[in-house]
Amino acid sequence: MMDKNKHIDDNLLSRFLLKETSEEENQEVNRWLAQSEKNQEDFDSFKKAWALSGTVHPKPVNIDVDAAWDKMSRRIDASSNDNKLIQFHPFYKYTAAVAALIFIVFGIRFYTNQQSNSNEIVQKYVTVDVPKVEKLIDGSKVTINKNSSLSLQNFDTSREMTLKGEAYFEVAHNEDKPFIVHTQKGDITVLGTKFNVKEADGKLEVTVTEGLVKLASLTNKDDFVLLKANTKGEITTSSPVKEENTDVNSLFWVDNKLSFKDVELTALIKTVEDNYGVKITINNEKLNHKKVTTSFENDSITDILQVLEATLDLKVQKIGDKTYSIE
């Protein structure tokens, strides 16, 4: 039996993240993760380093940790054109080794200007293939969607950050320090509330579930809208607009809940397809406009299709990977 504190092979973890392991190796990693909370923490730290580069070399490599960091330090000292000071978090030793190798091989450089007394600290969260929940030091909670990033600048003195992609915020109230989210299209300012920010395809969309949010244009700070619960604001060009939020399923990626009230089957299927990444074809036109009222919470795609099959007297068939037909 493996000692629960025994360190697992780094190369095995790298190949596990790259999905290049055998079924037997997958079981080995999962057994190691289940043995202790420390193992899970070690794995999370390793995955953070992996996420920074997008890849880890799958072949075994011998890494001189001190030499690797010395080499990166020399590159930092050689630069004098950037004045950002980056806060390095204390990963576990093997994670630091992998991160050092990644930074050197792929040329990812962090600079510090020796002539600057700037105390700016940048902290960045990146997600790869699944959403990630982060607790901030002010008590706020952020759920960051896949393929998104969130950067915090001097968050302990000024609650400001920059978002690329999508995130759901549950903001701790603080009248003295507004909570500000910067995006490429506009800025969102709050004191304490719950809201979702999505920036994609040239459009910024802010949906409020609780409290009050200010959405302002980047080009004119006096051009803004105030959003209350169950409303959303959008910026596509320069001026923000607001409207009622009628999409009750827009936060499925956060809460895994879907709700339908007297909607046509085709609309329900479209929502399921978008949120589960599947393709469902209705082969009977008589079913297209059939009205449905139902809800789902933490259900798999198989569970949902079985419910529809039983309640609507349908025949569902799986015809391929993530592909289904309804008769």
C-alpha atoms as a PDB file:
ATOM      1  CA  MET A   1       0.000   0.000   0.000  1.00  0.00           C
ATOM      2  CA  MET A   2       1.361   3.455  -0.939  1.00  0.00           C
ATOM      3  CA  ASP A   3       2.354   5.709   1.948  1.00  0.00           C
ATOM      4  CA  LYS A   4      -0.183   8.553   1.943  1.00  0.00           C
ATOM      5  CA  ASN A   5       2.647  11.105   2.240  1.00  0.00           C
ATOM      6  CA  LYS A   6       4.753   9.555  -0.502  1.00  0.00           C
ATOM      7  CA  HIS A   7       5.413  11.901  -3.410  1.00  0.00           C
ATOM      8  CA  ILE A   8       4.044  10.707  -6.744  1.00  0.00           C
ATOM      9  CA  ASP A   9       6.135  10.860  -9.904  1.00  0.00           C
ATOM     10  CA  ASP A  10       6.003  14.346 -11.507  1.00  0.00           C
ATOM     11  CA  ASN A  11       6.168  12.908 -15.003  1.00  0.00           C
ATOM     12  CA  LEU A  12       3.112  10.752 -14.295  1.00  0.00           C
ATOM     13  CA  LEU A  13       1.174  13.845 -13.161  1.00  0.00           C
ATOM     14  CA  SER A  14       2.262  15.706 -16.306  1.00  0.00           C
ATOM     15  CA  ARG A  15       1.024  12.926 -18.574  1.00  0.00           C
ATOM     16  CA  PHE A  16      -2.162  12.644 -16.492  1.00  0.00           C
ATOM     17  CA  LEU A  17      -2.955  16.335 -17.148  1.00  0.00           C
ATOM     18  CA  LEU A  18      -2.182  15.834 -20.832  1.00  0.00           C
ATOM     19  CA  LYS A  19      -4.540  12.806 -20.892  1.00  0.00           C
ATOM     20  CA  GLU A  20      -1.722  10.545 -22.070  1.00  0.00           C
ATOM     21  CA  THR A  21      -1.906   8.020 -19.227  1.00  0.00           C
ATOM     22  CA  SER A  22      -3.236   4.464 -19.356  1.00  0.00           C
ATOM     23  CA  GLU A  23      -6.295   3.360 -17.385  1.00  0.00           C
ATOM     24  CA  GLU A  24      -4.011   1.713 -14.831  1.00  0.00           C
ATOM     25  CA  GLU A  25      -2.025   4.947 -14.414  1.00  0.00           C
ATOM     26  CA  ASN A  26      -5.257   6.945 -14.064  1.00  0.00           C
ATOM     27  CA  GLN A  27      -6.279   4.657 -11.220  1.00  0.00           C
ATOM     28  CA  GLU A  28      -2.878   5.137  -9.577  1.00  0.00           C
ATOM     29  CA  VAL A  29      -3.226   8.933  -9.650  1.00  0.00           C
ATOM     30  CA  ASN A  30      -6.807   8.836  -8.371  1.00  0.00           C
ATOM     31  CA  ARG A  31      -5.817   6.507  -5.516  1.00  0.00           C
ATOM     32  CA  TRP A  32      -2.995   8.881  -4.576  1.00  0.00           C
ATOM     33  CA  LEU A  33      -5.370  11.883  -4.629  1.00  0.00           C
ATOM     34  CA  ALA A  34      -7.870  10.089  -2.399  1.00  0.00           C
ATOM     35  CA  GLN A  35      -5.289   9.199   0.247  1.00  0.00           C
ATOM     36  CA  SER A  36      -4.888  12.637   1.822  1.00  0.00           C
ATOM     37  CA  GLU A  37      -5.806  16.298   1.538  1.00  0.00           C
ATOM     38  CA  LYS A  38      -2.118  17.143   1.213  1.00  0.00           C
ATOM     39  CA  ASN A  39      -1.895  15.037  -1.935  1.00  0.00           C
ATOM     40  CA  GLN A  40      -4.825  16.983  -3.393  1.00  0.00           C
ATOM     41  CA  GLU A  41      -3.138  20.280  -2.454  1.00  0.00           C
ATOM     42  CA  ASP A  42       0.097  19.130  -4.092  1.00  0.00           C
ATOM     43  CA  PHE A  43      -1.805  18.207  -7.246  1.00  0.00           C
ATOM     44  CA  ASP A  44      -3.630  21.583  -7.339  1.00  0.00           C
ATOM     45  CA  SER A  45      -0.295  23.412  -7.058  1.00  0.00           C
ATOM     46  CA  PHE A  46       1.199  21.279  -9.815  1.00  0.00           C
ATOM     47  CA  LYS A  47      -1.821  21.966 -12.041  1.00  0.00           C
ATOM     48  CA  LYS A  48      -1.424  25.737 -11.518  1.00  0.00           C
ATOM     49  CA  ALA A  49       2.105  25.552 -12.878  1.00  0.00           C
ATOM     50  CA  TRP A  50       0.871  23.435 -15.785  1.00  0.00           C
ATOM     51  CA  ALA A  51      -1.900  25.936 -16.543  1.00  0.00           C
ATOM     52  CA  LEU A  52       0.582  28.818 -16.785  1.00  0.00           C
ATOM     53  CA  SER A  53       2.300  27.232 -19.764  1.00  0.00           C
ATOM     54  CA  GLY A  54      -0.579  25.324 -21.350  1.00  0.00           C
ATOM     55  CA  THR A  55       1.578  22.198 -21.496  1.00  0.00           C
ATOM     56  CA  VAL A  56       4.212  20.164 -19.696  1.00  0.00           C
ATOM     57  CA  HIS A  57       6.805  18.049 -21.453  1.00  0.00           C
ATOM     58  CA  PRO A  58       5.619  14.434 -21.018  1.00  0.00           C
ATOM     59  CA  LYS A  59       9.063  12.845 -20.988  1.00  0.00           C
ATOM     60  CA  PRO A  60      11.053  12.454 -17.755  1.00  0.00           C
ATOM     61  CA  VAL A  61      13.512  15.267 -17.179  1.00  0.00           C
ATOM     62  CA  ASN A  62      16.077  15.877 -14.449  1.00  0.00           C
ATOM     63  CA  ILE A  63      15.667  19.418 -13.124  1.00  0.00           C
ATOM     64  CA  ASP A  64      18.228  21.275 -11.045  1.00  0.00           C
ATOM     65  CA  VAL A  65      15.830  23.549  -9.154  1.00  0.00           C
ATOM     66  CA  ASP A  66      18.478  25.984  -7.913  1.00  0.00           C
ATOM     67  CA  ALA A  67      20.105  26.278 -11.335  1.00  0.00           C
ATOM     68  CA  ALA A  68      16.747  26.780 -13.028  1.00  0.00           C
ATOM     69  CA  TRP A  69      15.722  29.598 -10.710  1.00  0.00           C
ATOM     70  CA  ASP A  70      19.197  31.151 -10.888  1.00  0.00           C
ATOM     71  CA  LYS A  71      18.923  31.201 -14.674  1.00  0.00           C
ATOM     72  CA  MET A  72      15.532  32.875 -14.515  1.00  0.00           C
ATOM     73  CA  SER A  73      16.834  35.381 -11.921  1.00  0.00           C
ATOM     74  CA  ARG A  74      19.658  36.358 -14.274  1.00  0.00           C
ATOM     75  CA  ARG A  75      17.098  37.072 -16.981  1.00  0.00           C
ATOM     76  CA  ILE A  76      15.124  39.221 -14.549  1.00  0.00           C
ATOM     77  CA  ASP A  77      18.224  41.174 -13.507  1.00  0.00           C
ATOM     78  CA  ALA A  78      19.163  41.735 -17.153  1.00  0.00           C
ATOM     79  CA  SER A  79      15.911  43.572 -17.847  1.00  0.00           C
ATOM     80  CA  SER A  80      15.270  47.182 -16.906  1.00  0.00           C
ATOM     81  CA  ASN A  81      12.327  48.202 -19.069  1.00  0.00           C
ATOM     82  CA  ASP A  82       9.331  47.018 -17.075  1.00  0.00           C
ATOM     83  CA  ASN A  83       8.317  48.160 -13.618  1.00  0.00           C
ATOM     84  CA  LYS A  84       5.970  45.370 -12.491  1.00  0.00           C
ATOM     85  CA  LEU A  85       6.822  43.388  -9.388  1.00  0.00           C
ATOM     86  CA  ILE A  86       5.229  39.970  -9.465  1.00  0.00           C
ATOM     87  CA  GLN A  87       4.263  38.129  -6.296  1.00  0.00           C
ATOM     88  CA  PHE A  88       5.374  34.500  -6.534  1.00  0.00           C
ATOM     89  CA  HIS A  89       3.238  32.185  -4.439  1.00  0.00           C
ATOM     90  CA  PRO A  90       5.009  29.393  -2.501  1.00  0.00           C
ATOM     91  CA  PHE A  91       4.247  26.306  -4.595  1.00  0.00           C
ATOM     92  CA  TYR A  92       5.588  23.003  -3.372  1.00  0.00           C
ATOM     93  CA  LYS A  93       9.170  22.235  -4.409  1.00  0.00           C
ATOM     94  CA  TYR A  94       8.359  19.964  -7.322  1.00  0.00           C
ATOM     95  CA  THR A  95       5.850  22.508  -8.643  1.00  0.00           C
ATOM     96  CA  ALA A  96       8.470  25.229  -8.474  1.00  0.00           C
ATOM     97  CA  ALA A  97      10.833  23.029 -10.452  1.00  0.00           C
ATOM     98  CA  VAL A  98       8.304  22.465 -13.214  1.00  0.00           C
ATOM     99  CA  ALA A  99       7.318  26.143 -13.241  1.00  0.00           C
ATOM    100  CA  ALA A 100      10.957  27.206 -13.495  1.00  0.00           C
ATOM    101  CA  LEU A 101      11.535  24.897 -16.448  1.00  0.00           C
ATOM    102  CA  ILE A 102       8.355  26.114 -18.143  1.00  0.00           C
ATOM    103  CA  PHE A 103       9.301  29.769 -17.779  1.00  0.00           C
ATOM    104  CA  ILE A 104      12.807  29.205 -19.153  1.00  0.00           C
ATOM    105  CA  VAL A 105      11.870  26.944 -22.063  1.00  0.00           C
ATOM    106  CA  PHE A 106       8.924  28.990 -23.265  1.00  0.00           C
ATOM    107  CA  GLY A 107      10.414  32.421 -22.553  1.00  0.00           C
ATOM    108  CA  ILE A 108       7.727  33.564 -20.140  1.00  0.00           C
ATOM    109  CA  ARG A 109       9.473  36.363 -18.276  1.00  0.00           C
ATOM    110  CA  PHE A 110       8.575  38.388 -15.217  1.00  0.00           C
ATOM    111  CA  TYR A 111      10.525  41.664 -14.880  1.00  0.00           C
ATOM    112  CA  THR A 112      11.345  44.049 -12.077  1.00  0.00           C
ATOM    113  CA  ASN A 113      12.855  47.517 -12.435  1.00  0.00           C
ATOM    114  CA  GLN A 114      15.634  47.874  -9.898  1.00  0.00           C
ATOM    115  CA  GLN A 115      15.329  51.686  -9.997  1.00  0.00           C
ATOM    116  CA  SER A 116      11.605  51.603  -9.125  1.00  0.00           C
ATOM    117  CA  ASN A 117      10.206  51.623  -5.603  1.00  0.00           C
ATOM    118  CA  SER A 118       6.782  50.509  -6.870  1.00  0.00           C
ATOM    119  CA  ASN A 119       4.909  48.140  -4.554  1.00  0.00           C
ATOM    120  CA  GLU A 120       2.406  47.027  -7.191  1.00  0.00           C
ATOM    121  CA  ILE A 121       1.494  43.376  -6.771  1.00  0.00           C
ATOM    122  CA  VAL A 122      -0.248  41.416  -9.497  1.00  0.00           C
ATOM    123  CA  GLN A 123      -1.991  38.129  -8.810  1.00  0.00           C
ATOM    124  CA  LYS A 124      -3.448  36.155 -11.698  1.00  0.00           C
ATOM    125  CA  TYR A 125      -5.908  33.267 -11.776  1.00  0.00           C
ATOM    126  CA  VAL A 126      -6.199  31.237 -14.988  1.00  0.00           C
ATOM    127  CA  THR A 127      -8.624  28.420 -15.780  1.00  0.00           C
ATOM    128  CA  VAL A 128      -8.057  25.857 -18.521  1.00  0.00           C
ATOM    129  CA  ASP A 129     -10.869  23.367 -19.053  1.00  0.00           C
ATOM    130  CA  VAL A 130     -13.151  23.657 -16.021  1.00  0.00           C
ATOM    131  CA  PRO A 131     -14.533  26.559 -13.918  1.00  0.00           C
ATOM    132  CA  LYS A 132     -12.574  27.485 -10.783  1.00  0.00           C
ATOM    133  CA  VAL A 133     -13.793  29.003  -7.494  1.00  0.00           C
ATOM    134  CA  GLU A 134     -11.461  31.467  -5.747  1.00  0.00           C
ATOM    135  CA  LYS A 135     -11.879  33.124  -2.323  1.00  0.00           C
ATOM    136  CA  LEU A 136     -10.393  36.636  -2.271  1.00  0.00           C
ATOM    137  CA  ILE A 137      -8.734  38.198   0.764  1.00  0.00           C
ATOM    138  CA  ASP A 138     -11.645  40.632   1.325  1.00  0.00           C
ATOM    139  CA  GLY A 139     -14.098  37.738   1.717  1.00  0.00           C
ATOM    140  CA  SER A 140     -15.482  37.967  -1.812  1.00  0.00           C
ATOM    141  CA  LYS A 141     -15.869  34.817  -3.889  1.00  0.00           C
ATOM    142  CA  VAL A 142     -15.243  34.555  -7.631  1.00  0.00           C
ATOM    143  CA  THR A 143     -16.185  31.666  -9.908  1.00  0.00           C
ATOM    144  CA  ILE A 144     -14.058  31.915 -13.050  1.00  0.00           C
ATOM    145  CA  ASN A 145     -15.349  30.157 -16.158  1.00  0.00           C
ATOM    146  CA  LYS A 146     -13.195  27.929 -18.346  1.00  0.00           C
ATOM    147  CA  ASN A 147     -10.766  29.618 -20.750  1.00  0.00           C
ATOM    148  CA  SER A 148     -10.874  32.834 -18.673  1.00  0.00           C
ATOM    149  CA  SER A 149      -8.408  34.820 -16.585  1.00  0.00           C
ATOM    150  CA  LEU A 150      -8.618  37.304 -13.720  1.00  0.00           C
ATOM    151  CA  SER A 151      -5.755  39.640 -12.700  1.00  0.00           C
ATOM    152  CA  LEU A 152      -5.732  41.520  -9.385  1.00  0.00           C
ATOM    153  CA  GLN A 153      -3.647  44.661  -8.894  1.00  0.00           C
ATOM    154  CA  ASN A 154      -2.809  45.664  -5.289  1.00  0.00           C
ATOM    155  CA  PHE A 155      -6.069  44.084  -4.190  1.00  0.00           C
ATOM    156  CA  ASP A 156      -5.329  44.583  -0.490  1.00  0.00           C
ATOM    157  CA  THR A 157      -5.395  48.380  -0.912  1.00  0.00           C
ATOM    158  CA  SER A 158      -7.675  48.785  -3.935  1.00  0.00           C
ATOM    159  CA  ARG A 159     -10.279  46.178  -4.873  1.00  0.00           C
ATOM    160  CA  GLU A 160      -9.590  46.344  -8.610  1.00  0.00           C
ATOM    161  CA  MET A 161      -9.063  43.583 -11.152  1.00  0.00           C
ATOM    162  CA  THR A 162      -9.052  42.876 -14.885  1.00  0.00           C
ATOM    163  CA  LEU A 163     -11.166  40.109 -16.414  1.00  0.00           C
ATOM    164  CA  LYS A 164     -10.787  38.340 -19.737  1.00  0.00           C
ATOM    165  CA  GLY A 165     -13.601  35.886 -20.442  1.00  0.00           C
ATOM    166  CA  GLU A 166     -16.371  35.179 -17.919  1.00  0.00           C
ATOM    167  CA  ALA A 167     -16.701  35.158 -14.137  1.00  0.00           C
ATOM    168  CA  TYR A 168     -19.431  35.257 -11.475  1.00  0.00           C
ATOM    169  CA  PHE A 169     -18.756  37.548  -8.495  1.00  0.00           C
ATOM    170  CA  GLU A 170     -20.149  37.405  -4.955  1.00  0.00           C
ATOM    171  CA  VAL A 171     -18.768  40.621  -3.498  1.00  0.00           C
ATOM    172  CA  ALA A 172     -18.258  41.300   0.211  1.00  0.00           C
ATOM    173  CA  HIS A 173     -19.672  44.710   1.186  1.00  0.00           C
ATOM    174  CA  ASN A 174     -17.184  47.513   1.806  1.00  0.00           C
ATOM    175  CA  GLU A 175     -18.359  51.128   1.444  1.00  0.00           C
ATOM    176  CA  ASP A 176     -14.807  52.477   1.694  1.00  0.00           C
ATOM    177  CA  LYS A 177     -13.410  50.302  -1.097  1.00  0.00           C
ATOM    178  CA  PRO A 178     -15.561  49.877  -4.218  1.00  0.00           C
ATOM    179  CA  PHE A 179     -15.104  46.574  -6.067  1.00  0.00           C
ATOM    180  CA  ILE A 180     -14.079  47.366  -9.666  1.00  0.00           C
ATOM    181  CA  VAL A 181     -13.826  44.939 -12.585  1.00  0.00           C
ATOM    182  CA  HIS A 182     -12.061  46.223 -15.704  1.00  0.00           C
ATOM    183  CA  THR A 183     -12.714  44.697 -19.138  1.00  0.00           C
ATOM    184  CA  GLN A 184     -11.825  45.625 -22.700  1.00  0.00           C
ATOM    185  CA  LYS A 185     -15.290  47.115 -23.239  1.00  0.00           C
ATOM    186  CA  GLY A 186     -16.154  48.768 -19.930  1.00  0.00           C
ATOM    187  CA  ASP A 187     -15.791  48.939 -16.157  1.00  0.00           C
ATOM    188  CA  ILE A 188     -18.095  47.472 -13.519  1.00  0.00           C
ATOM    189  CA  THR A 189     -18.235  49.106 -10.055  1.00  0.00           C
ATOM    190  CA  VAL A 190     -20.053  47.799  -6.951  1.00  0.00           C
ATOM    191  CA  LEU A 191     -19.980  48.005  -3.157  1.00  0.00           C
ATOM    192  CA  GLY A 192     -21.363  44.561  -2.435  1.00  0.00           C
ATOM    193  CA  THR A 193     -23.506  42.390  -4.693  1.00  0.00           C
ATOM    194  CA  LYS A 194     -23.687  39.295  -6.903  1.00  0.00           C
ATOM    195  CA  PHE A 195     -23.271  39.556 -10.654  1.00  0.00           C
ATOM    196  CA  ASN A 196     -21.913  37.803 -13.740  1.00  0.00           C
ATOM    197  CA  VAL A 197     -19.536  39.348 -16.271  1.00  0.00           C
ATOM    198  CA  LYS A 198     -19.064  37.843 -19.723  1.00  0.00           C
ATOM    199  CA  GLU A 199     -16.854  39.317 -22.420  1.00  0.00           C
ATOM    200  CA  ALA A 200     -16.920  37.458 -25.724  1.00  0.00           C
ATOM    201  CA  ASP A 201     -17.317  38.075 -29.459  1.00  0.00           C
ATOM    202  CA  GLY A 202     -16.845  41.817 -29.116  1.00  0.00           C
ATOM    203  CA  LYS A 203     -19.609  42.208 -26.516  1.00  0.00           C
ATOM    204  CA  LEU A 204     -19.583  42.825 -22.758  1.00  0.00           C
ATOM    205  CA  GLU A 205     -22.580  41.490 -20.842  1.00  0.00           C
ATOM    206  CA  VAL A 206     -23.221  42.050 -17.120  1.00  0.00           C
ATOM    207  CA  THR A 207     -26.061  40.184 -15.388  1.00  0.00           C
ATOM    208  CA  VAL A 208     -27.031  41.135 -11.814  1.00  0.00           C
ATOM    209  CA  THR A 209     -28.602  38.638  -9.406  1.00  0.00           C
ATOM    210  CA  GLU A 210     -28.402  40.731  -6.231  1.00  0.00           C
ATOM    211  CA  GLY A 211     -27.654  44.350  -5.298  1.00  0.00           C
ATOM    212  CA  LEU A 212     -26.790  47.280  -7.575  1.00  0.00           C
ATOM    213  CA  VAL A 213     -24.058  47.488 -10.238  1.00  0.00           C
ATOM    214  CA  LYS A 214     -22.690  50.428 -12.220  1.00  0.00           C
ATOM    215  CA  LEU A 215     -21.629  49.635 -15.812  1.00  0.00           C
ATOM    216  CA  ALA A 216     -19.633  52.446 -17.416  1.00  0.00           C
ATOM    217  CA  SER A 217     -18.182  53.034 -20.866  1.00  0.00           C
ATOM    218  CA  LEU A 218     -14.398  53.059 -21.205  1.00  0.00           C
ATOM    219  CA  THR A 219     -14.441  56.161 -23.396  1.00  0.00           C
ATOM    220  CA  ASN A 220     -16.752  58.248 -21.187  1.00  0.00           C
ATOM    221  CA  LYS A 221     -17.033  57.548 -17.461  1.00  0.00           C
ATOM    222  CA  ASP A 222     -20.179  59.698 -17.284  1.00  0.00           C
ATOM    223  CA  ASP A 223     -21.855  57.343 -19.773  1.00  0.00           C
ATOM    224  CA  PHE A 224     -23.162  54.553 -17.532  1.00  0.00           C
ATOM    225  CA  VAL A 225     -26.206  52.528 -16.516  1.00  0.00           C
ATOM    226  CA  LEU A 226     -27.214  51.257 -13.066  1.00  0.00           C
ATOM    227  CA  LEU A 227     -28.261  47.631 -12.964  1.00  0.00           C
ATOM    228  CA  LYS A 228     -30.390  46.073 -10.236  1.00  0.00           C
ATOM    229  CA  ALA A 229     -31.283  42.433  -9.629  1.00  0.00           C
ATOM    230  CA  ASN A 230     -32.720  40.553 -12.627  1.00  0.00           C
ATOM    231  CA  THR A 231     -31.445  43.112 -15.119  1.00  0.00           C
ATOM    232  CA  LYS A 232     -28.490  42.997 -17.467  1.00  0.00           C
ATOM    233  CA  GLY A 233     -26.351  45.560 -19.226  1.00  0.00           C
ATOM    234  CA  GLU A 234     -24.490  45.291 -22.516  1.00  0.00           C
ATOM    235  CA  ILE A 235     -21.766  47.207 -24.314  1.00  0.00           C
ATOM    236  CA  THR A 236     -21.123  46.397 -27.951  1.00  0.00           C
ATOM    237  CA  THR A 237     -19.772  49.704 -29.288  1.00  0.00           C
ATOM    238  CA  SER A 238     -19.343  52.491 -26.737  1.00  0.00           C
ATOM    239  CA  SER A 239     -22.539  53.265 -24.813  1.00  0.00           C
ATOM    240  CA  PRO A 240     -23.975  50.759 -22.322  1.00  0.00           C
ATOM    241  CA  VAL A 241     -27.625  49.726 -22.498  1.00  0.00           C
ATOM    242  CA  LYS A 242     -29.749  47.839 -19.990  1.00  0.00           C
ATOM    243  CA  GLU A 243     -32.715  45.503 -20.202  1.00  0.00           C
ATOM    244  CA  GLU A 244     -34.555  42.889 -18.176  1.00  0.00           C
ATOM    245  CA  ASN A 245     -32.774  39.558 -17.907  1.00  0.00           C
ATOM    246  CA  THR A 246     -35.146  36.952 -19.335  1.00  0.00           C
ATOM    247  CA  ASP A 247     -32.618  34.127 -19.575  1.00  0.00           C
ATOM    248  CA  VAL A 248     -33.156  32.205 -16.328  1.00  0.00           C
ATOM    249  CA  ASN A 249     -30.530  29.662 -17.344  1.00  0.00           C
ATOM    250  CA  SER A 250     -27.647  32.052 -18.020  1.00  0.00           C
ATOM    251  CA  LEU A 251     -25.802  30.981 -14.857  1.00  0.00           C
ATOM    252  CA  PHE A 252     -25.935  27.242 -15.481  1.00  0.00           C
ATOM    253  CA  TRP A 253     -22.137  27.166 -15.634  1.00  0.00           C
ATOM    254  CA  VAL A 254     -22.117  28.400 -12.007  1.00  0.00           C
ATOM    255  CA  ASP A 255     -25.021  26.586 -10.315  1.00  0.00           C
ATOM    256  CA  ASN A 256     -25.717  23.618 -12.669  1.00  0.00           C
ATOM    257  CA  LYS A 257     -29.429  24.469 -12.702  1.00  0.00           C
ATOM    258  CA  LEU A 258     -31.816  24.585 -15.672  1.00  0.00           C
ATOM    259  CA  SER A 259     -35.433  25.720 -15.463  1.00  0.00           C
ATOM    260  CA  PHE A 260     -38.116  25.686 -18.165  1.00  0.00           C
ATOM    261  CA  LYS A 261     -41.684  26.969 -17.919  1.00  0.00           C
ATOM    262  CA  ASP A 262     -44.071  26.336 -20.795  1.00  0.00           C
ATOM    263  CA  VAL A 263     -41.302  26.413 -23.434  1.00  0.00           C
ATOM    264  CA  GLU A 264     -41.241  24.590 -26.744  1.00  0.00           C
ATOM    265  CA  LEU A 265     -39.219  21.397 -26.898  1.00  0.00           C
ATOM    266  CA  THR A 266     -36.949  22.864 -29.579  1.00  0.00           C
ATOM    267  CA  ALA A 267     -36.016  25.763 -27.249  1.00  0.00           C
ATOM    268  CA  LEU A 268     -35.342  23.356 -24.384  1.00  0.00           C
ATOM    269  CA  ILE A 269     -33.143  21.166 -26.593  1.00  0.00           C
ATOM    270  CA  LYS A 270     -31.165  24.220 -27.793  1.00  0.00           C
ATOM    271  CA  THR A 271     -30.457  25.256 -24.198  1.00  0.00           C
ATOM    272  CA  VAL A 272     -29.370  21.728 -23.271  1.00  0.00           C
ATOM    273  CA  GLU A 273     -27.112  21.536 -26.333  1.00  0.00           C
ATOM    274  CA  ASP A 274     -25.425  24.846 -25.506  1.00  0.00           C
ATOM    275  CA  ASN A 275     -24.793  23.984 -21.866  1.00  0.00           C
ATOM    276  CA  TYR A 276     -23.811  20.323 -22.195  1.00  0.00           C
ATOM    277  CA  GLY A 277     -21.854  20.504 -25.441  1.00  0.00           C
ATOM    278  CA  VAL A 278     -23.983  17.888 -27.240  1.00  0.00           C
ATOM    279  CA  LYS A 279     -25.953  17.648 -30.487  1.00  0.00           C
ATOM    280  CA  ILE A 280     -29.586  16.521 -30.301  1.00  0.00           C
ATOM    281  CA  THR A 281     -31.711  16.090 -33.439  1.00  0.00           C
ATOM    282  CA  ILE A 282     -35.519  15.958 -33.320  1.00  0.00           C
ATOM    283  CA  ASN A 283     -36.655  13.764 -36.198  1.00  0.00           C
ATOM    284  CA  ASN A 284     -40.390  14.185 -35.613  1.00  0.00           C
ATOM    285  CA  GLU A 285     -41.645  17.662 -36.565  1.00  0.00           C
ATOM    286  CA  LYS A 286     -44.782  17.177 -34.466  1.00  0.00           C
ATOM    287  CA  LEU A 287     -42.603  17.330 -31.362  1.00  0.00           C
ATOM    288  CA  ASN A 288     -40.947  20.664 -32.191  1.00  0.00           C
ATOM    289  CA  HIS A 289     -43.656  22.878 -30.671  1.00  0.00           C
ATOM    290  CA  LYS A 290     -44.584  20.604 -27.784  1.00  0.00           C
ATOM    291  CA  LYS A 291     -44.646  22.701 -24.578  1.00  0.00           C
ATOM    292  CA  VAL A 292     -42.561  21.603 -21.609  1.00  0.00           C
ATOM    293  CA  THR A 293     -42.349  22.689 -17.948  1.00  0.00           C
ATOM    294  CA  THR A 294     -39.552  21.099 -15.926  1.00  0.00           C
ATOM    295  CA  SER A 295     -36.312  21.775 -14.076  1.00  0.00           C
ATOM    296  CA  PHE A 296     -32.964  20.062 -13.594  1.00  0.00           C
ATOM    297  CA  GLU A 297     -30.222  20.424 -11.005  1.00  0.00           C
ATOM    298  CA  ASN A 298     -26.834  18.699 -11.112  1.00  0.00           C
ATOM    299  CA  ASP A 299     -28.176  16.222 -13.680  1.00  0.00           C
ATOM    300  CA  SER A 300     -26.116  14.511 -16.356  1.00  0.00           C
ATOM    301  CA  ILE A 301     -27.126  14.657 -20.009  1.00  0.00           C
ATOM    302  CA  THR A 302     -28.227  11.023 -19.682  1.00  0.00           C
ATOM    303  CA  ASP A 303     -30.489  11.911 -16.737  1.00  0.00           C
ATOM    304  CA  ILE A 304     -32.094  14.776 -18.657  1.00  0.00           C
ATOM    305  CA  LEU A 305     -32.794  12.706 -21.766  1.00  0.00           C
ATOM    306  CA  GLN A 306     -34.239   9.883 -19.675  1.00  0.00           C
ATOM    307  CA  VAL A 307     -36.634  12.321 -17.971  1.00  0.00           C
ATOM    308  CA  LEU A 308     -37.752  13.744 -21.320  1.00  0.00           C
ATOM    309  CA  GLU A 309     -38.149  10.253 -22.727  1.00  0.00           C
ATOM    310  CA  ALA A 310     -40.331   9.105 -19.825  1.00  0.00           C
ATOM    311  CA  THR A 311     -42.483  12.218 -19.365  1.00  0.00           C
ATOM    312  CA  LEU A 312     -43.050  13.095 -23.033  1.00  0.00           C
ATOM    313  CA  ASP A 313     -43.248   9.545 -24.359  1.00  0.00           C
ATOM    314  CA  LEU A 314     -40.243  10.010 -26.624  1.00  0.00           C
ATOM    315  CA  LYS A 315     -37.650   7.632 -27.973  1.00  0.00           C
ATOM    316  CA  VAL A 316     -34.092   8.837 -27.448  1.00  0.00           C
ATOM    317  CA  GLN A 317     -31.170   7.128 -29.147  1.00  0.00           C
ATOM    318  CA  LYS A 318     -27.457   7.788 -28.802  1.00  0.00           C
ATOM    319  CA  ILE A 319     -25.987   7.708 -32.296  1.00  0.00           C
ATOM    320  CA  GLY A 320     -22.432   8.869 -31.594  1.00  0.00           C
ATOM    321  CA  ASP A 321     -20.126  10.595 -29.151  1.00  0.00           C
ATOM    322  CA  LYS A 322     -22.262  13.402 -27.644  1.00  0.00           C
ATOM    323  CA  THR A 323     -24.792  12.966 -30.449  1.00  0.00           C
ATOM    324  CA  TYR A 324     -28.430  11.946 -29.910  1.00  0.00           C
ATOM    325  CA  SER A 325     -31.675  11.639 -31.868  1.00  0.00           C
ATOM    326  CA  ILE A 326     -35.296  11.999 -30.676  1.00  0.00           C
ATOM    327  CA  GLU A 327     -38.217  10.267 -32.347  1.00  0.00           C
END
